[in-house]
Each structure stands twice: as structure tokens, then as C-alpha cells.
């Protein structure tokens, strides 16, 4: 009883720390995280078919029943480097919207993201898990009034998930899991006053402070051993239906709607050397195109998609992402495990949509990662390094004379994460 009470006290302290320390991160599968949990990040997010990587409910909920009673905490430090560069002078023609030439780098380059998880066996065949983690986010904090507003330009999006999961064995080697997802998100925009005339409500467009919403969704997973040494895993996460950002109803399509898109992931894992060397390969799909505030393009064949805030109002023009992830896990000794991984996905930003994406330059294609675990009795220390390789997307300023200006969006990122399971 005393042990349970001590854990409850620890969980309360950790939960409070999570809420207080959470700041926006800049994730790089669009605005989703490359992986969830330290072990997963060490393999570039690969491992949907490795139940050992399932502690944080963001991965495969089906694998949790194989973990036993276990708890985990982690802290990730994000260091995104993002910038835009305008080439060419404004034409100054009537009806155009030119931008000041030059390169501008975003400030606010250090972000923290804690996470925690608890897994409890209900009996030999079922488990219950509670996890709190960051799903993703985006942030820009430019020192200049990029769009000729009254304040420096930038946005700040944070998304936090709570996953409440039931996992059950179907047989000795197969299981299913179901997560109820509760989501909270916060958004703020600055320096967009010049678009007020293009909005259905210019008072709900910019500089209104942070606006937050809640939402609900679900996730289903399956895990199993196909043959000895070869395992399979798959998940489907529904669209998370979020409330509307009322303070930004004149910015996002559908009067401030900003749902979290649905995703699916499927993968295999194979033990080349039993209990020594494992290879994991995943494919993940993110359906950005099904959320209008993310997918609507800035321009159509007949001109700009204004007014902003309407159902067909301008968005980021993001396309769906298909990401492949591959990773190795090597048990070097009985206490040390090493990991590495690679992830590739064509970023969702189209060259025709670079102007609005100055606010959210999620242009990363590739990640390389390293990680390790050190057993400490019944506990384990985990560490991961993620390098999001620099990438640039360049396209025209669609509100200028043809060929007058180009906009280049560039981003790279480092992530350092430490975790502890007990």
C-alpha cells in the first residue's frame, strides 16, 4: 500500500512538471514527432513491431500487455534551426504584396518536452496504460515584421496527448490494444495584421494571445509473431476532432478549426541474431490533406483563396506524408543496448505554398539517429540523439508579379532525449 501511495505521489509531481515545463516543440514529420519515447527516437521512430518500444502509448498500444508493470519518464530538448530567404525586390505594382528581400532566422531555438507513462498488468492477459506526451507542434519567432504587420511575425502551436490504453493478448504471441486519446492544443499568431482585409473577421486573425482547445480520438493496434524471430505490428489513429480556436476564427479555415489528422503505421521486426541484433522497418502515413486548415492552398486557379477563416479559406497547402523508418537495435552486453535509425519522407510543403509556410517551415525530409540503453538493476537509463538533416524548399511569391520574387524555406534540427524506466 505504501509503495502504491509513493508512486501516486511521484506521478502527481511528474504530471505537474510535465504541464509546467511543456513548451512548443518543432517536430519534423510535418508537425508530428519523428518518434515517441527515447527508445523509439533512437531508431528514428521505427519499431511498431517491437513491444519493448511500446511503453509510451503513442506507439503500438497492442504491445503494452507484454511489458509487465513498468513506468517511464523522459525529457527531450529540441533545437530547431529555421529560416526564410526572399530573393528579388518588390515590384511595387498595384495589387501586389511584396516582401523585403534578405534572409531572416527564427529566434527561440530551445524547447523542452517531457513525457511520462505507467503500465499496469490487470491479469496475465491484459494491461492498462496511461501516457502523457507531446504529439507535435510548430513554432516560428521572427525578429522582423515579415508581412508588414504591427509586430514581429511568428506562430506557436503546442499539442499534448493523454492516452488511456487497454491491451489484451489474443494468444501467447498475438495481442490487440485500444487507446482513448484526449488532446489539448494551444495556438498563437503574431504580426499578421496586413491580412486583415483578406479575412472574414480581421479581429480574430492575429495578436490575440494564446487560444486553446480540447479534442477526443482513438487508436487501435495489433502486434504478433509471424514466425520465430519475425514480428508484425500495425496501428490506426483516428482524426482527433478538436474544438475551434475562437481567437483565430479569421485565420484558419472553418472558423478556426484545426483537427489533428489521422495516421496509420505498419511494420515488421526481425531478429538477425536472437536476443542480440534486431532490424525494424515501418511505413507511416499522415493524412494532412483531410484537415482543411492545413491542406487548403493559398491560391486557386482564379486567385487567392480568400476570405481567410472561410471553409475554403487559405491554409498551408500541406500534402499527405508517407514516411519510411528503419532502425537497428544491438545488445552489445547484458547491460548495454545500442540503437541507430534512419527516416525518410517527402515533406508536406509544396513549392507553390511557400509564402504562408514562412510561418511553419516543416520542410524536413530525412532524419538520422543514435541511441543507447543502460540497465541499472531493474531500472533502465535511455538516451537518443536525432539529427533532422537540413532541407530547403523554394518557390515563388504568389502575390507578386510573376518571376519577381522567390521564397526559400530552410530547416534543420537536433533533438537530445533522456529517459528512465523503472
Protein backbone atom coordinates (compact mmCIF):
# COMPACT_ATOMS: atom_id res chain seq x y z
CA UNK A 1 0.00 0.00 0.00
CA UNK A 2 2.81 2.36 0.92
CA UNK A 3 4.56 1.59 -2.35
CA UNK A 4 1.41 2.43 -4.33
CA UNK A 5 0.98 5.68 -2.43
CA UNK A 6 4.61 6.64 -3.08
CA UNK A 7 4.10 6.01 -6.78
CA UNK A 8 0.93 8.11 -6.81
CA UNK A 9 2.85 10.95 -5.19
CA UNK A 10 5.63 10.63 -7.75
CA UNK A 11 3.12 10.52 -10.59
CA UNK A 12 1.42 13.69 -9.35
CA UNK A 13 4.74 15.52 -9.16
CA UNK A 14 5.78 14.32 -12.61
CA UNK A 15 2.41 15.27 -14.13
CA UNK A 16 2.66 18.78 -12.71
CA UNK A 17 6.21 19.09 -14.03
CA UNK A 18 5.02 17.93 -17.44
CA UNK A 19 2.34 20.60 -17.62
CA UNK A 20 4.59 23.36 -16.32
CA UNK A 21 7.61 22.52 -18.47
CA UNK A 22 5.76 21.89 -21.73
CA UNK A 23 6.69 24.39 -24.39
CA UNK A 24 6.15 24.16 -28.09
CA UNK A 25 8.39 21.79 -29.93
CA UNK A 26 9.08 21.74 -33.61
CA UNK A 27 8.54 18.19 -34.78
CA UNK A 28 9.71 17.16 -38.21
CA UNK A 29 7.35 14.63 -39.84
CA UNK A 30 5.45 17.71 -40.89
CA UNK A 31 4.48 18.81 -37.40
CA UNK A 32 4.37 15.27 -35.89
CA UNK A 33 7.21 13.83 -33.85
CA UNK A 34 9.70 11.56 -35.64
CA UNK A 35 9.24 9.07 -32.78
CA UNK A 36 7.63 8.81 -29.36
CA UNK A 37 9.74 7.77 -26.40
CA UNK A 38 13.51 7.59 -26.08
CA UNK A 39 13.93 4.07 -27.46
CA UNK A 40 11.72 4.86 -30.44
CA UNK A 41 13.63 8.06 -31.20
CA UNK A 42 16.92 6.15 -31.07
CA UNK A 43 15.63 4.12 -34.04
CA UNK A 44 14.18 7.11 -35.96
CA UNK A 45 10.66 6.14 -34.92
CA UNK A 46 10.92 2.57 -36.24
CA UNK A 47 9.67 -0.27 -34.04
CA UNK A 48 5.88 -0.55 -34.31
CA UNK A 49 6.55 -4.33 -34.23
CA UNK A 50 8.81 -4.15 -31.14
CA UNK A 51 6.76 -4.30 -27.96
CA UNK A 52 9.82 -3.11 -26.00
CA UNK A 53 9.31 0.32 -27.60
CA UNK A 54 5.62 0.49 -26.65
CA UNK A 55 5.81 1.99 -23.14
CA UNK A 56 4.61 5.37 -24.33
CA UNK A 57 1.08 4.85 -25.64
CA UNK A 58 1.85 6.92 -28.74
CA UNK A 59 3.47 3.84 -30.29
CA UNK A 60 1.66 0.48 -30.57
CA UNK A 61 -1.00 0.04 -27.87
CA UNK A 62 -1.10 -3.71 -28.54
CA UNK A 63 2.45 -4.27 -27.27
CA UNK A 64 1.80 -2.94 -23.77
CA UNK A 65 0.48 -6.27 -22.45
CA UNK A 66 3.95 -7.81 -22.89
CA UNK A 67 5.73 -5.16 -20.80
CA UNK A 68 4.59 -6.04 -17.30
CA UNK A 69 4.32 -3.40 -14.58
CA UNK A 70 6.55 -0.56 -15.68
CA UNK A 71 6.81 3.23 -15.50
CA UNK A 72 8.76 5.68 -17.61
CA UNK A 73 9.66 9.36 -17.81
CA UNK A 74 11.62 11.25 -20.43
CA UNK A 75 12.75 14.75 -21.30
CA UNK A 76 13.61 15.87 -24.83
CA UNK A 77 15.50 19.03 -25.75
CA UNK A 78 14.66 20.34 -29.23
CA UNK A 79 16.95 22.68 -31.14
CA UNK A 80 15.24 23.64 -34.44
CA UNK A 81 17.01 26.00 -36.84
CA UNK A 82 14.58 27.55 -39.31
CA UNK A 83 14.79 30.50 -41.67
CA UNK A 84 13.36 32.02 -44.80
CA UNK A 85 15.12 33.94 -47.58
CA UNK A 86 13.48 36.35 -50.02
CA UNK A 87 15.25 36.82 -53.35
CA UNK A 88 14.27 39.73 -55.57
CA UNK A 89 12.93 43.18 -54.80
CA UNK A 90 9.21 44.01 -54.52
CA UNK A 91 7.75 45.20 -57.83
CA UNK A 92 5.60 47.84 -56.08
CA UNK A 93 2.91 47.23 -58.71
CA UNK A 94 -0.66 47.95 -57.56
CA UNK A 95 -2.35 44.88 -56.08
CA UNK A 96 0.89 43.04 -55.30
CA UNK A 97 2.19 42.01 -51.89
CA UNK A 98 5.97 42.08 -51.98
CA UNK A 99 8.25 41.02 -49.12
CA UNK A 100 11.50 42.62 -48.00
CA UNK A 101 14.48 40.79 -49.57
CA UNK A 102 17.04 39.03 -47.39
CA UNK A 103 17.46 36.10 -45.04
CA UNK A 104 15.74 36.00 -41.64
CA UNK A 105 16.32 33.34 -38.98
CA UNK A 106 13.74 32.43 -36.37
CA UNK A 107 14.63 33.02 -32.75
CA UNK A 108 13.54 30.83 -29.78
CA UNK A 109 15.64 27.80 -30.69
CA UNK A 110 15.48 25.71 -27.50
CA UNK A 111 12.35 23.81 -26.43
CA UNK A 112 11.69 21.18 -23.76
CA UNK A 113 9.20 18.32 -23.98
CA UNK A 114 8.72 15.90 -21.07
CA UNK A 115 6.64 12.71 -21.23
CA UNK A 116 5.55 10.04 -18.78
CA UNK A 117 3.88 6.64 -18.85
CA UNK A 118 2.63 3.99 -16.44
CA UNK A 119 1.79 0.38 -17.36
CA UNK A 120 -0.15 -1.92 -15.04
CA UNK A 121 -0.92 -5.62 -15.59
CA UNK A 122 -4.57 -6.34 -14.80
CA UNK A 123 -4.02 -10.09 -15.10
CA UNK A 124 -1.80 -12.40 -17.15
CA UNK A 125 -3.57 -11.49 -20.38
CA UNK A 126 -4.41 -7.79 -20.10
CA UNK A 127 -2.85 -4.46 -19.17
CA UNK A 128 -3.86 -0.83 -18.67
CA UNK A 129 -1.60 2.09 -19.56
CA UNK A 130 -1.71 5.86 -19.07
CA UNK A 131 0.69 8.03 -21.07
CA UNK A 132 1.13 11.80 -21.41
CA UNK A 133 3.26 13.07 -24.29
CA UNK A 134 3.67 15.76 -26.92
CA UNK A 135 2.20 14.82 -30.28
CA UNK A 136 3.88 17.66 -32.15
CA UNK A 137 3.86 21.36 -32.77
CA UNK A 138 5.36 24.22 -34.71
CA UNK A 139 6.97 27.49 -33.76
CA UNK A 140 8.45 30.49 -35.53
CA UNK A 141 9.60 33.67 -33.85
CA UNK A 142 11.00 36.05 -36.45
CA UNK A 143 12.51 39.34 -35.24
CA UNK A 144 11.05 41.22 -38.22
CA UNK A 145 7.54 42.19 -39.34
CA UNK A 146 7.68 39.74 -42.25
CA UNK A 147 4.19 40.50 -43.56
CA UNK A 148 4.31 44.24 -42.80
CA UNK A 149 2.34 43.90 -39.59
CA UNK A 150 2.49 45.94 -36.40
CA UNK A 151 4.60 43.39 -34.53
CA UNK A 152 7.27 40.76 -35.25
CA UNK A 153 5.91 37.71 -37.06
CA UNK A 154 5.51 34.18 -35.74
CA UNK A 155 3.25 31.37 -34.58
CA UNK A 156 3.29 28.94 -31.68
CA UNK A 157 1.40 25.61 -31.74
CA UNK A 158 1.56 23.04 -28.93
CA UNK A 159 -0.19 19.67 -28.85
CA UNK A 160 -0.31 17.40 -25.80
CA UNK A 161 -1.97 13.96 -25.74
CA UNK A 162 -3.18 11.73 -22.95
CA UNK A 163 -3.53 8.07 -23.99
CA UNK A 164 -5.61 5.68 -21.89
CA UNK A 165 -4.97 2.19 -23.23
CA UNK A 166 -6.31 -1.32 -22.76
CA UNK A 167 -4.10 -4.06 -24.20
CA UNK A 168 -5.03 -7.74 -24.35
CA UNK A 169 -3.38 -10.98 -25.50
CA UNK A 170 -5.22 -13.00 -28.13
CA UNK A 171 -2.71 -15.84 -27.75
CA UNK A 172 0.79 -16.30 -26.40
CA UNK A 173 2.26 -14.26 -29.27
CA UNK A 174 -0.55 -12.01 -30.55
CA UNK A 175 -2.29 -9.06 -28.95
CA UNK A 176 -4.52 -6.07 -29.64
CA UNK A 177 -4.76 -2.68 -27.98
CA UNK A 178 -7.19 0.22 -27.93
CA UNK A 179 -6.38 3.76 -26.77
CA UNK A 180 -8.76 6.55 -25.92
CA UNK A 181 -6.97 9.79 -26.76
CA UNK A 182 -7.61 13.11 -25.05
CA UNK A 183 -5.87 16.04 -26.74
CA UNK A 184 -5.11 19.62 -25.74
CA UNK A 185 -3.64 22.19 -28.08
CA UNK A 186 -2.72 25.86 -27.90
CA UNK A 187 -2.05 28.33 -30.71
CA UNK A 188 -0.90 31.93 -31.01
CA UNK A 189 -0.11 34.08 -34.06
CA UNK A 190 1.63 37.45 -34.27
CA UNK A 191 2.32 40.04 -36.95
CA UNK A 192 -0.40 39.17 -39.50
CA UNK A 193 -2.29 42.49 -39.43
CA UNK A 194 -1.70 43.10 -43.14
CA UNK A 195 -4.03 40.17 -43.96
CA UNK A 196 -6.99 41.69 -42.09
CA UNK A 197 -8.57 42.85 -45.35
CA UNK A 198 -8.41 39.29 -46.67
CA UNK A 199 -10.07 37.74 -43.59
CA UNK A 200 -13.74 37.12 -42.83
CA UNK A 201 -13.02 38.53 -39.35
CA UNK A 202 -9.92 40.71 -39.08
CA UNK A 203 -10.32 40.94 -35.29
CA UNK A 204 -9.86 37.16 -35.00
CA UNK A 205 -6.71 36.95 -37.08
CA UNK A 206 -3.59 37.84 -35.12
CA UNK A 207 -2.11 39.05 -31.84
CA UNK A 208 -4.96 37.70 -29.71
CA UNK A 209 -2.77 35.77 -27.29
CA UNK A 210 -2.87 32.01 -26.83
CA UNK A 211 -6.07 30.16 -27.73
CA UNK A 212 -6.56 26.57 -26.54
CA UNK A 213 -8.92 23.73 -27.46
CA UNK A 214 -9.68 20.15 -26.41
CA UNK A 215 -10.44 17.08 -28.50
CA UNK A 216 -11.01 13.33 -28.48
CA UNK A 217 -9.97 10.43 -30.69
CA UNK A 218 -8.84 6.83 -30.64
CA UNK A 219 -6.09 4.45 -31.67
CA UNK A 220 -6.18 0.72 -32.48
CA UNK A 221 -3.14 -1.54 -32.63
CA UNK A 222 -2.21 -5.15 -33.35
CA UNK A 223 1.03 -6.98 -32.59
CA UNK A 224 2.17 -10.55 -33.16
CA UNK A 225 4.85 -13.05 -34.09
CA UNK A 226 4.54 -14.35 -37.65
CA UNK A 227 7.34 -16.90 -37.34
CA UNK A 228 10.14 -17.30 -34.83
CA UNK A 229 12.12 -14.05 -34.81
CA UNK A 230 9.76 -12.18 -37.18
CA UNK A 231 7.10 -9.90 -35.66
CA UNK A 232 4.44 -7.63 -37.16
CA UNK A 233 2.75 -4.52 -35.83
CA UNK A 234 0.20 -2.03 -37.13
CA UNK A 235 -1.81 0.90 -35.78
CA UNK A 236 -4.54 3.24 -36.96
CA UNK A 237 -5.20 6.55 -35.22
CA UNK A 238 -8.42 8.39 -35.98
CA UNK A 239 -8.64 12.07 -36.75
CA UNK A 240 -8.70 13.94 -33.45
CA UNK A 241 -11.74 16.22 -33.56
CA UNK A 242 -10.67 19.43 -31.84
CA UNK A 243 -12.63 22.47 -30.80
CA UNK A 244 -12.15 25.69 -32.75
CA UNK A 245 -9.55 28.34 -32.00
CA UNK A 246 -12.12 31.09 -31.37
CA UNK A 247 -9.49 33.83 -31.13
CA UNK A 248 -8.20 32.84 -34.60
CA UNK A 249 -11.50 32.18 -36.39
CA UNK A 250 -10.42 34.66 -39.07
CA UNK A 251 -7.13 32.87 -39.73
CA UNK A 252 -7.79 29.14 -40.00
CA UNK A 253 -10.33 27.63 -42.39
CA UNK A 254 -13.72 26.62 -40.99
CA UNK A 255 -13.69 29.46 -38.44
CA UNK A 256 -10.59 28.40 -36.54
CA UNK A 257 -10.86 24.64 -36.87
CA UNK A 258 -7.56 22.75 -36.51
CA UNK A 259 -8.14 19.00 -36.15
CA UNK A 260 -5.28 16.52 -35.73
CA UNK A 261 -5.05 14.36 -38.88
CA UNK A 262 -5.50 10.60 -38.90
CA UNK A 263 -2.47 8.31 -39.28
CA UNK A 264 -1.63 4.67 -39.83
CA UNK A 265 1.61 2.78 -39.32
CA UNK A 266 2.62 -0.78 -40.22
CA UNK A 267 5.94 -2.54 -39.80
CA UNK A 268 7.97 -5.65 -39.15
CA UNK A 269 10.90 -6.52 -36.92
CA UNK A 270 13.35 -9.37 -37.46
CA UNK A 271 15.96 -10.83 -35.11
CA UNK A 272 19.05 -11.48 -37.21
CA UNK A 273 20.74 -12.78 -34.06
CA UNK A 274 18.27 -13.96 -31.38
CA UNK A 275 18.18 -11.59 -28.39
CA UNK A 276 21.18 -9.76 -29.89
CA UNK A 277 20.52 -7.93 -33.18
CA UNK A 278 17.09 -6.73 -34.34
CA UNK A 279 16.11 -4.84 -37.50
CA UNK A 280 12.85 -2.85 -37.63
CA UNK A 281 11.14 -1.35 -40.68
CA UNK A 282 7.99 0.80 -40.61
CA UNK A 283 5.82 2.72 -43.06
CA UNK A 284 3.74 5.61 -41.73
CA UNK A 285 1.07 7.72 -43.42
CA UNK A 286 -0.17 11.10 -42.11
CA UNK A 287 -3.37 12.45 -43.71
CA UNK A 288 -2.72 16.19 -43.63
CA UNK A 289 -4.91 16.63 -46.72
CA UNK A 290 -8.04 15.75 -44.71
CA UNK A 291 -7.78 18.82 -42.45
CA UNK A 292 -8.81 21.96 -44.37
CA UNK A 293 -6.90 24.47 -42.25
CA UNK A 294 -3.72 22.52 -43.01
CA UNK A 295 -4.48 21.38 -46.57
CA UNK A 296 -6.24 24.32 -48.26
CA UNK A 297 -3.94 26.05 -50.71
CA UNK A 298 -3.23 29.77 -50.62
CA UNK A 299 -4.03 30.25 -54.30
CA UNK A 300 -6.51 28.67 -56.70
CA UNK A 301 -6.86 28.91 -60.47
CA UNK A 302 -8.99 32.03 -60.04
CA UNK A 303 -6.82 33.80 -57.45
CA UNK A 304 -6.21 33.82 -53.68
CA UNK A 305 -8.41 31.59 -51.50
CA UNK A 306 -9.87 34.44 -49.50
CA UNK A 307 -11.52 35.25 -47.20
CA UNK A 308 -9.33 33.56 -44.62
CA UNK A 309 -11.37 31.73 -42.00
CA UNK A 310 -13.97 30.52 -44.51
CA UNK A 311 -14.39 26.83 -45.32
CA UNK A 312 -12.28 27.26 -48.46
CA UNK A 313 -10.01 29.87 -46.88
CA UNK A 314 -6.26 29.79 -47.35
CA UNK A 315 -4.25 27.22 -45.41
CA UNK A 316 -0.75 25.80 -45.53
CA UNK A 317 -1.37 23.64 -48.61
CA UNK A 318 0.19 20.60 -46.99
CA UNK A 319 0.04 17.23 -48.74
CA UNK A 320 -0.17 13.80 -47.10
CA UNK A 321 3.14 12.36 -45.91
CA UNK A 322 4.36 8.79 -46.40
CA UNK A 323 7.39 8.10 -44.22
CA UNK A 324 9.66 5.05 -44.17
CA UNK A 325 11.60 4.31 -41.00
CA UNK A 326 14.34 1.74 -40.45
CA UNK A 327 16.38 1.00 -37.36
CA UNK A 328 18.72 -1.47 -35.70
CA UNK A 329 18.93 -2.47 -32.05
CA UNK A 330 22.07 -4.30 -30.85
CA UNK A 331 22.52 -5.83 -27.40
CA UNK A 332 26.25 -5.17 -27.02
CA UNK A 333 26.40 -6.64 -23.50
CA UNK A 334 23.86 -7.79 -20.93
CA UNK A 335 23.63 -4.19 -19.67
CA UNK A 336 24.22 -2.06 -22.79
CA UNK A 337 21.96 -1.83 -25.85
CA UNK A 338 22.81 0.35 -28.86
CA UNK A 339 20.41 1.78 -31.46
CA UNK A 340 20.53 3.62 -34.75
CA UNK A 341 17.96 4.58 -37.34
CA UNK A 342 17.04 6.46 -40.49
CA UNK A 343 13.74 8.04 -41.53
CA UNK A 344 12.74 9.49 -44.89
CA UNK A 345 9.53 11.16 -46.00
CA UNK A 346 8.78 13.75 -48.66
CA UNK A 347 7.91 16.84 -46.63
CA UNK A 348 4.33 18.15 -47.00
CA UNK A 349 5.22 21.69 -48.14
CA UNK A 350 4.70 22.34 -51.85
CA UNK A 351 6.86 24.87 -53.71
CA UNK A 352 3.69 26.76 -54.64
CA UNK A 353 2.79 27.21 -50.94
CA UNK A 354 5.99 28.69 -49.50
CA UNK A 355 4.54 32.11 -48.64
CA UNK A 356 2.12 31.01 -45.90
CA UNK A 357 4.61 28.33 -44.79
CA UNK A 358 7.07 31.01 -43.72
CA UNK A 359 5.04 30.62 -40.53
CA UNK A 360 5.51 26.83 -40.41
CA UNK A 361 8.52 25.68 -42.46
CA UNK A 362 8.08 21.93 -41.87
CA UNK A 363 10.34 21.03 -44.80
CA UNK A 364 12.44 18.21 -43.29
CA UNK A 365 12.77 15.01 -45.36
CA UNK A 366 15.44 12.97 -43.57
CA UNK A 367 16.46 12.01 -40.02
CA UNK A 368 19.42 10.00 -38.73
CA UNK A 369 19.52 8.83 -35.13
CA UNK A 370 21.62 7.16 -32.44
CA UNK A 371 20.65 5.86 -29.03
CA UNK A 372 21.52 3.55 -26.18
CA UNK A 373 20.13 1.96 -23.02
CA UNK A 374 21.98 1.08 -19.81
CA UNK A 375 20.40 -1.37 -17.38
CA UNK A 376 20.71 -0.37 -13.75
CA UNK A 377 19.37 -3.32 -11.81
CA UNK A 378 15.63 -3.45 -12.54
CA UNK A 379 15.73 0.09 -13.93
CA UNK A 380 17.00 1.39 -17.26
CA UNK A 381 18.53 4.65 -18.48
CA UNK A 382 17.83 5.53 -22.13
CA UNK A 383 19.31 8.19 -24.39
CA UNK A 384 18.72 9.27 -28.00
CA UNK A 385 20.11 11.82 -30.46
CA UNK A 386 18.10 12.80 -33.54
CA UNK A 387 19.53 14.84 -36.38
CA UNK A 388 16.99 16.25 -38.83
CA UNK A 389 19.07 17.00 -41.91
CA UNK A 390 18.83 20.47 -43.40
CA UNK A 391 16.44 20.86 -46.30
CA UNK A 392 15.19 23.80 -48.36
CA UNK A 393 12.00 24.29 -50.37
CA UNK A 394 11.94 27.23 -52.80
CA UNK A 395 9.03 28.70 -54.69
CA UNK A 396 7.54 31.96 -55.98
CA UNK A 397 5.84 34.69 -54.01
CA UNK A 398 2.30 34.08 -55.36
CA UNK A 399 1.16 37.61 -54.51
CA UNK A 400 3.86 39.30 -56.57
CA UNK A 401 4.34 39.83 -60.29
CA UNK A 402 5.37 36.54 -61.99
CA UNK A 403 9.09 35.89 -61.61
CA UNK A 404 9.59 38.90 -59.33
CA UNK A 405 10.38 37.18 -56.01
CA UNK A 406 11.26 33.71 -54.73
CA UNK A 407 10.91 32.45 -51.17
CA UNK A 408 13.22 29.79 -49.73
CA UNK A 409 12.31 27.92 -46.53
CA UNK A 410 15.09 26.10 -44.69
CA UNK A 411 15.08 23.95 -41.60
CA UNK A 412 17.28 21.53 -39.65
CA UNK A 413 17.06 20.25 -36.10
CA UNK A 414 18.79 18.48 -33.23
CA UNK A 415 16.90 16.51 -30.58
CA UNK A 416 18.51 15.17 -27.41
CA UNK A 417 16.35 12.94 -25.23
CA UNK A 418 16.97 11.16 -21.95
CA UNK A 419 14.56 8.69 -20.41
CA UNK A 420 14.30 6.45 -17.37
CA UNK A 421 12.17 3.33 -16.90
CA UNK A 422 11.54 1.65 -13.58
